[in-house]
Amino acid sequence: MNKNIDELIKSALEGHELPYDENAWNSLNKKLNHPNAPIKPFKFWFLGSSVIAIIAISSLLYFSSKPEEKSDKAVKQKTDVIEKSNSQSTTSKQTKSEKTKGIQDEKNSSNELEANEDDKKETKTNLILPEVNEVLSKEITKDLKLDEEITNPKKGNSISTKKTTEPDVPSFSNKCLGENLKVINKNEVGMTLIFPSGKKVSVAESSTENIKLSEEGKYELLVNSKQKETYNSFFSVFENPKASLLVEDELNYENGLPIIRGEVQTFEETIKWKVDKVVSASSSNKAKTAAFYFFKKGQFDIEVIVSNEKGCSSSETKTIIISEDYNLLAVNAFDPLSDDRRKNTFMPYALTKRNCVFSLIIIDSDNGGIVFESSDASNPWDGIDKRDGQLVNRNKAFIWKVTLNSPEKNEKSVYKGTITRI
């Protein structure tokens, strides 16, 4: 603290000059010109003390006259500043009053000009300090009053913090005719779905409705708001494309394979065919015609789906019944002694039409011995047992087995059956 005061006094005295008093210098010069005139020690001491006192008081008044810095801290700190400032001002006034009184007595006997200078500075300081404190006090009091109004607002000037929130309006992409629209109303007011014809369907507050879109055109979903603003959303419903499916009634065989063909009549270009997994399609799904292989008996659905550029689609389904499993179109009996070549040998008929690699064996059902082998559709079994070179007995059933190296999709690779010589 002492160090700070020393630095303040040092900085204040730097460059300080006392006012020039011509009368004082003339008086001093007369005394210097008369060496015989004795200088009274009391006057010498009094003059030096006056100079030191003037410098000290000037420094004190200079630093006391600086305005207080405004604080941007909390309101409590501002209040502390007022109290501290007022206390300092009162102390400063008392100190100045006491010192000024003593100095004034000394100056009356030595130098009236310097006393007048001091009086001017003191008067200026006494005017500045109260003014600064009053301005600062008014500003802090104003902030305190503002904070109090914010913390405890009056009934007449209360600030409403309640905000008006917009209702939740669901938005939908374009739909297709016949779809079910799920509308979820999260609002505390009802909503209305307006059809293109003007028909209205209500959705109660905080509820969910499934609405069938039975009309083509533009729909509006409107919130039943009591406010002036209109809250709504729009979407369109487009017509589905038309398609007609034609399917063959009977199973046909092409190149030894069991096949049924289908055809769709439509103007759309996006087409998709769907059939059960046990069926293999022989053509592209995007084609207007398709062929399907049926290797097992049963009931099957053939479905075609067509789509337009709006993303809407329609479908049609036909059901077919297959009465028996596919078994390479093999017969179950033959007569080696017949003149008809189609009847006097045995080879599954499908193998003569299909371009595939296979192996055929004829097995004796009594002992499991192999009677005949062939991998060539043009080399059928003629009824001769290769083990003894004799024609097999009549009315005896033999087992045949065909293994395909590359079966069709969803087709089994091994076929079996029985053949009897008649």
Foldseek 3Di string as FASTA:
>chain_A
DVVVVVVLLVVLPVPDDDDDDPVQVVVVVVCVVDVVDDDDPVVVVLVVVLVVLLSVLVSVLVVLQDFDDADPDDLVVLVVVLVVLVVVLVVVVVVCVVSLVVSVVSCVPPPVVSNVVSVVSVVVSNVRSVVRSVVSVVVSVVVVVVVVCVVPPDPVPDDDPDDDDDADEDEDEAAEAFAKDKDAAAAQAKKWKAAPVRDIDIDGHRGIDIHHRHDFFKIKIWTPDPDPDTDIYMYGYYYAFDKDKDKDQDWDADLLFTKIKMFMDGPAQAKAKDKDQLKDWPDDRRDRMIMITHQAWDKMKIKMKGGDPSGHIDMDIDMYTGDGGRFLQWDAEAALPDPDPVRQFGDRPSVVRHDFWKKKWKAQPVPRDTQDIDRDRVDTHRQARPVVRDRDDAPGKIKMKMATPDDDRSDDGIHIDIYGHD
